[in-house]
Amino acid sequence: MQPEFKLKCFIGTRDSDWTDPGYHQHETVEISLLMDGRGIFQWEEKREPLEPGHVVLIPAGLPHWFEGIGYNRYGVIHLQHMPRRLQDMLNELVGENRPTLFLLSPLDKERYIRLFREWLRTMSAPLKKRAWHNTAWIEVLVLFLLEHSQTDREALSISKAGDWIRENLQHKVQMSELAELAGMTESGFRRLFEQVYHMSPKQYQQQCRMAEAKWQLSSADKGMLDIAESIGFSRQHSFSLWFKQLEGVSPTEWRKQQQQHFR
């Protein structure tokens, strides 16, 4: 029989320098996110500086220690006896018998923190199916890391430019400005952006615009002109033509299809 899935999670805050008393290890898989401040993660082979947005995945039984520098805030999850599907998902992120360090862009870090906090709120309530909730929420948090985390600092510079695109859909993509934001030449920026996102910055903006348009069409009763303007179109007609060219139907028809599908 599969042992019961166990987990422990919390958000901790320290106001001054602190350090673990020495190397320690857990019987659980640990996921630690540095939300604010600076710190250090060390294991037997390496010492890594930590900044806001760093996520450390630590296999069970691995000796390690953390150190905090000044004020810092962090979220911690310990997982034991995970269901097979969740274990398979984590195996895509963490190496065998060695930790994995990931980076989240500032925008994705804030989104991850909101997810983490909402999960803690849910876990604090009386639940009819607590085991199901535990598994579902952990899968969401792990999937978020699979989709949005980066493993090197160059890629993080690129993801900051990606953040700018996502937060400024109403503006045109200016390659020179994005390259300057990432601290790169235009050619170097374009090459690395395509390596990270598997598309050009302009294509990425179009993808983000479509995702935002569909979200607004399906989740809010906003008018077409308001939606169009929020993603960079000054005229409703231009927005409708663009949407239909990519999706095969107008945004009005797409909204109707979504509503009819669930009637």
Protein backbone atom coordinates (compact mmCIF):
# COMPACT_ATOMS: atom_id res chain seq x y z
CA MET A 1 0.00 0.00 0.00
CA GLN A 2 1.23 3.49 -0.90
CA PRO A 3 2.20 5.42 2.29
CA GLU A 4 0.17 8.52 3.02
CA PHE A 5 1.31 11.64 1.14
CA LYS A 6 2.66 14.05 3.75
CA LEU A 7 3.63 17.68 3.38
CA LYS A 8 4.60 20.69 5.46
CA CYS A 9 4.64 24.28 4.23
CA PHE A 10 5.11 27.76 5.64
CA ILE A 11 6.31 31.30 4.91
CA GLY A 12 9.09 32.49 7.21
CA THR A 13 10.56 35.95 7.84
CA ARG A 14 13.88 36.92 9.45
CA ASP A 15 14.83 40.52 10.24
CA SER A 16 18.60 40.05 10.57
CA ASP A 17 21.46 37.77 9.53
CA TRP A 18 20.93 34.09 10.35
CA THR A 19 22.43 30.74 9.46
CA ASP A 20 21.61 27.09 9.97
CA PRO A 21 23.82 25.58 12.68
CA GLY A 22 25.44 23.26 10.14
CA TYR A 23 24.70 20.71 7.47
CA HIS A 24 21.38 18.95 7.91
CA GLN A 25 19.18 16.70 5.82
CA HIS A 26 15.52 15.73 5.61
CA GLU A 27 13.58 12.60 4.75
CA THR A 28 11.49 14.86 2.52
CA VAL A 29 11.96 16.62 -0.81
CA GLU A 30 12.32 20.35 -0.08
CA ILE A 31 11.26 23.28 -2.28
CA SER A 32 12.44 26.67 -0.98
CA LEU A 33 11.66 30.03 -2.59
CA LEU A 34 13.46 33.23 -1.58
CA MET A 35 10.75 35.88 -1.80
CA ASP A 36 12.68 38.91 -0.53
CA GLY A 37 16.22 39.66 0.60
CA ARG A 38 19.46 37.80 -0.03
CA GLY A 39 20.90 34.54 1.16
CA ILE A 40 23.24 31.62 0.51
CA PHE A 41 22.56 27.96 -0.19
CA GLN A 42 25.38 25.48 0.35
CA TRP A 43 25.76 21.78 -0.13
CA GLU A 44 28.84 19.58 -0.11
CA GLU A 45 29.92 20.46 -3.66
CA LYS A 46 28.87 24.08 -4.13
CA ARG A 47 27.97 27.41 -2.51
CA GLU A 48 25.28 29.44 -4.30
CA PRO A 49 24.25 33.08 -3.63
CA LEU A 50 20.47 33.55 -3.55
CA GLU A 51 18.41 36.52 -4.71
CA PRO A 52 14.63 37.13 -4.78
CA GLY A 53 13.04 34.68 -7.21
CA HIS A 54 15.51 31.86 -6.59
CA VAL A 55 13.90 28.46 -6.04
CA VAL A 56 15.96 25.56 -4.64
CA LEU A 57 14.79 21.97 -5.08
CA ILE A 58 16.58 19.62 -2.67
CA PRO A 59 16.32 15.80 -2.86
CA ALA A 60 15.59 13.85 0.28
CA GLY A 61 18.67 12.90 2.29
CA LEU A 62 20.98 15.56 0.81
CA PRO A 63 23.11 17.42 3.43
CA HIS A 64 22.76 21.21 3.01
CA TRP A 65 22.39 24.50 4.85
CA PHE A 66 20.95 27.97 4.29
CA GLU A 67 22.14 31.40 5.38
CA GLY A 68 20.14 34.65 5.34
CA ILE A 69 21.69 38.09 4.86
CA GLY A 70 19.74 40.87 6.53
CA TYR A 71 15.96 40.89 6.15
CA ASN A 72 14.61 38.01 4.12
CA ARG A 73 11.33 36.21 3.50
CA TYR A 74 11.04 32.70 2.15
CA GLY A 75 8.48 30.00 1.42
CA VAL A 76 9.25 26.35 2.18
CA ILE A 77 7.52 23.10 1.19
CA HIS A 78 8.50 19.62 2.41
CA LEU A 79 7.08 16.60 0.53
CA GLN A 80 7.15 12.94 1.54
CA HIS A 81 5.58 9.81 0.00
CA MET A 82 4.45 11.68 -3.10
CA PRO A 83 1.98 10.16 -5.58
CA ARG A 84 3.67 8.70 -8.65
CA ARG A 85 2.52 11.41 -11.08
CA LEU A 86 3.81 14.17 -8.82
CA GLN A 87 7.11 12.35 -8.38
CA ASP A 88 7.45 12.08 -12.17
CA MET A 89 6.86 15.82 -12.51
CA LEU A 90 9.51 16.62 -9.92
CA ASN A 91 11.96 14.28 -11.62
CA GLU A 92 11.86 16.61 -14.61
CA LEU A 93 13.11 19.43 -12.39
CA VAL A 94 15.52 17.97 -9.86
CA GLY A 95 18.66 15.91 -10.51
CA GLU A 96 19.30 12.63 -8.74
CA ASN A 97 21.14 13.19 -5.45
CA ARG A 98 21.91 16.81 -6.26
CA PRO A 99 19.94 20.05 -5.77
CA THR A 100 18.61 22.19 -8.60
CA LEU A 101 18.57 25.99 -8.51
CA PHE A 102 15.99 27.88 -10.57
CA LEU A 103 15.25 31.53 -11.24
CA LEU A 104 11.86 33.18 -11.58
CA SER A 105 11.54 36.58 -13.23
CA PRO A 106 10.18 39.37 -10.97
CA LEU A 107 6.70 39.05 -12.50
CA ASP A 108 6.62 35.27 -12.22
CA LYS A 109 7.98 35.43 -8.68
CA GLU A 110 5.01 37.58 -7.63
CA ARG A 111 2.58 35.25 -9.37
CA TYR A 112 4.19 32.25 -7.65
CA ILE A 113 3.94 33.95 -4.25
CA ARG A 114 0.23 34.63 -4.83
CA LEU A 115 -0.29 30.96 -5.69
CA PHE A 116 1.66 29.92 -2.60
CA ARG A 117 -0.35 32.21 -0.32
CA GLU A 118 -3.68 31.08 -1.74
CA TRP A 119 -2.64 27.47 -1.19
CA LEU A 120 -1.78 28.21 2.45
CA ARG A 121 -5.17 29.89 2.85
CA THR A 122 -6.91 26.81 1.41
CA MET A 123 -4.92 24.45 3.63
CA SER A 124 -5.95 26.46 6.72
CA ALA A 125 -9.63 25.81 6.07
CA PRO A 126 -11.60 22.66 6.97
CA LEU A 127 -11.56 20.49 3.83
CA LYS A 128 -13.63 17.47 2.87
CA LYS A 129 -10.93 16.09 0.57
CA ARG A 130 -7.66 17.32 2.07
CA ALA A 131 -5.48 14.69 0.36
CA TRP A 132 -6.89 15.66 -3.04
CA HIS A 133 -6.30 19.34 -2.33
CA ASN A 134 -2.71 18.66 -1.29
CA THR A 135 -1.92 16.78 -4.47
CA ALA A 136 -3.70 19.21 -6.79
CA TRP A 137 -2.08 22.34 -5.35
CA ILE A 138 1.42 20.87 -5.28
CA GLU A 139 1.01 19.80 -8.91
CA VAL A 140 0.04 23.37 -9.82
CA LEU A 141 3.07 24.81 -8.00
CA VAL A 142 5.42 22.30 -9.64
CA LEU A 143 3.89 22.87 -13.08
CA PHE A 144 4.40 26.61 -12.63
CA LEU A 145 8.12 25.99 -12.08
CA LEU A 146 8.28 23.70 -15.11
CA GLU A 147 6.73 26.39 -17.30
CA HIS A 148 8.31 29.58 -15.99
CA SER A 149 11.65 28.95 -14.27
CA GLN A 150 15.07 29.47 -15.81
CA THR A 151 18.35 27.80 -14.88
CA ASP A 152 20.91 30.51 -15.69
CA ARG A 153 21.33 34.24 -15.14
CA GLU A 154 21.49 35.12 -18.84
CA ALA A 155 18.08 33.55 -19.33
CA LEU A 156 16.78 35.54 -16.35
CA SER A 157 17.86 38.76 -18.09
CA ILE A 158 15.84 37.67 -21.09
CA SER A 159 12.83 36.79 -18.93
CA LYS A 160 12.89 40.33 -17.51
CA ALA A 161 12.39 41.54 -21.07
CA GLY A 162 9.60 38.97 -21.38
CA ASP A 163 8.03 40.48 -18.24
CA TRP A 164 8.14 43.92 -19.85
CA ILE A 165 6.36 42.59 -22.93
CA ARG A 166 3.65 40.91 -20.84
CA GLU A 167 3.06 44.04 -18.76
CA ASN A 168 3.07 46.46 -21.72
CA LEU A 169 0.93 44.75 -24.36
CA GLN A 170 -0.39 48.11 -25.52
CA HIS A 171 3.09 49.19 -26.69
CA LYS A 172 5.04 48.14 -29.75
CA VAL A 173 8.11 45.97 -29.28
CA GLN A 174 11.26 48.05 -29.68
CA MET A 175 14.20 45.68 -30.03
CA SER A 176 16.75 48.30 -29.04
CA GLU A 177 14.92 49.06 -25.78
CA LEU A 178 14.52 45.40 -24.86
CA ALA A 179 18.19 44.70 -25.59
CA GLU A 180 19.19 47.63 -23.41
CA LEU A 181 16.93 46.33 -20.62
CA ALA A 182 18.70 42.97 -20.80
CA GLY A 183 22.14 44.60 -21.07
CA MET A 184 22.91 43.04 -24.47
CA THR A 185 23.47 43.94 -28.08
CA GLU A 186 20.39 43.68 -30.30
CA SER A 187 21.76 40.65 -32.16
CA GLY A 188 22.77 38.91 -28.94
CA PHE A 189 19.43 39.68 -27.35
CA ARG A 190 17.43 38.37 -30.31
CA ARG A 191 19.49 35.16 -30.44
CA LEU A 192 19.12 34.42 -26.72
CA PHE A 193 15.44 35.42 -26.65
CA GLU A 194 14.66 32.91 -29.39
CA GLN A 195 16.72 30.31 -27.53
CA VAL A 196 14.73 30.83 -24.31
CA TYR A 197 11.21 31.35 -25.72
CA HIS A 198 11.57 29.50 -29.06
CA MET A 199 10.15 32.51 -30.93
CA SER A 200 11.02 36.13 -31.72
CA PRO A 201 10.09 38.98 -29.32
CA LYS A 202 7.38 40.13 -31.73
CA GLN A 203 5.92 36.62 -31.98
CA TYR A 204 6.02 36.38 -28.18
CA GLN A 205 4.12 39.66 -27.86
CA GLN A 206 1.48 38.39 -30.30
CA GLN A 207 1.13 35.20 -28.26
CA CYS A 208 0.74 37.20 -25.04
CA ARG A 209 -1.76 39.54 -26.65
CA MET A 210 -3.87 36.61 -27.80
CA ALA A 211 -3.72 34.96 -24.37
CA GLU A 212 -4.81 38.21 -22.71
CA ALA A 213 -7.57 38.78 -25.26
CA LYS A 214 -8.98 35.27 -24.73
CA TRP A 215 -8.77 35.65 -20.96
CA GLN A 216 -10.71 38.92 -21.06
CA LEU A 217 -13.25 37.55 -23.55
CA SER A 218 -13.96 34.51 -21.39
CA SER A 219 -13.72 35.98 -17.89
CA ALA A 220 -15.17 39.48 -18.07
CA ASP A 221 -18.06 41.27 -19.72
CA LYS A 222 -15.81 43.92 -21.20
CA GLY A 223 -16.60 45.60 -24.50
CA MET A 224 -14.56 44.78 -27.59
CA LEU A 225 -13.03 48.25 -27.82
CA ASP A 226 -11.84 48.11 -24.20
CA ILE A 227 -10.24 44.72 -24.81
CA ALA A 228 -8.69 45.92 -28.06
CA GLU A 229 -7.15 48.99 -26.42
CA SER A 230 -5.79 47.00 -23.47
CA ILE A 231 -3.63 44.90 -25.81
CA GLY A 232 -2.46 47.62 -28.18
CA PHE A 233 -5.17 48.14 -30.81
CA SER A 234 -6.63 51.65 -31.16
CA ARG A 235 -9.52 50.45 -33.35
CA GLN A 236 -11.94 47.61 -32.68
CA HIS A 237 -11.98 46.70 -36.39
CA SER A 238 -8.20 46.17 -36.44
CA PHE A 239 -8.44 43.96 -33.37
CA SER A 240 -11.22 41.88 -34.90
CA LEU A 241 -9.30 41.37 -38.15
CA TRP A 242 -6.15 40.34 -36.25
CA PHE A 243 -8.05 37.93 -34.03
CA LYS A 244 -9.93 36.34 -36.93
CA GLN A 245 -6.75 35.95 -38.97
CA LEU A 246 -5.16 33.95 -36.15
CA GLU A 247 -8.17 32.07 -34.75
CA GLY A 248 -10.43 31.73 -37.79
CA VAL A 249 -13.37 33.46 -36.08
CA SER A 250 -14.03 36.97 -34.83
CA PRO A 251 -13.58 37.72 -31.10
CA THR A 252 -17.36 38.17 -30.77
CA GLU A 253 -17.99 34.74 -32.29
CA TRP A 254 -15.21 33.19 -30.19
CA ARG A 255 -16.83 34.53 -27.01
CA LYS A 256 -20.23 33.12 -28.07
CA GLN A 257 -18.66 29.72 -28.77
CA GLN A 258 -17.12 29.62 -25.30
CA GLN A 259 -20.42 30.50 -23.67
CA GLN A 260 -22.44 28.02 -25.76
CA HIS A 261 -19.97 25.22 -25.06
CA PHE A 262 -20.90 25.20 -21.37
CA ARG A 263 -24.68 25.55 -21.72
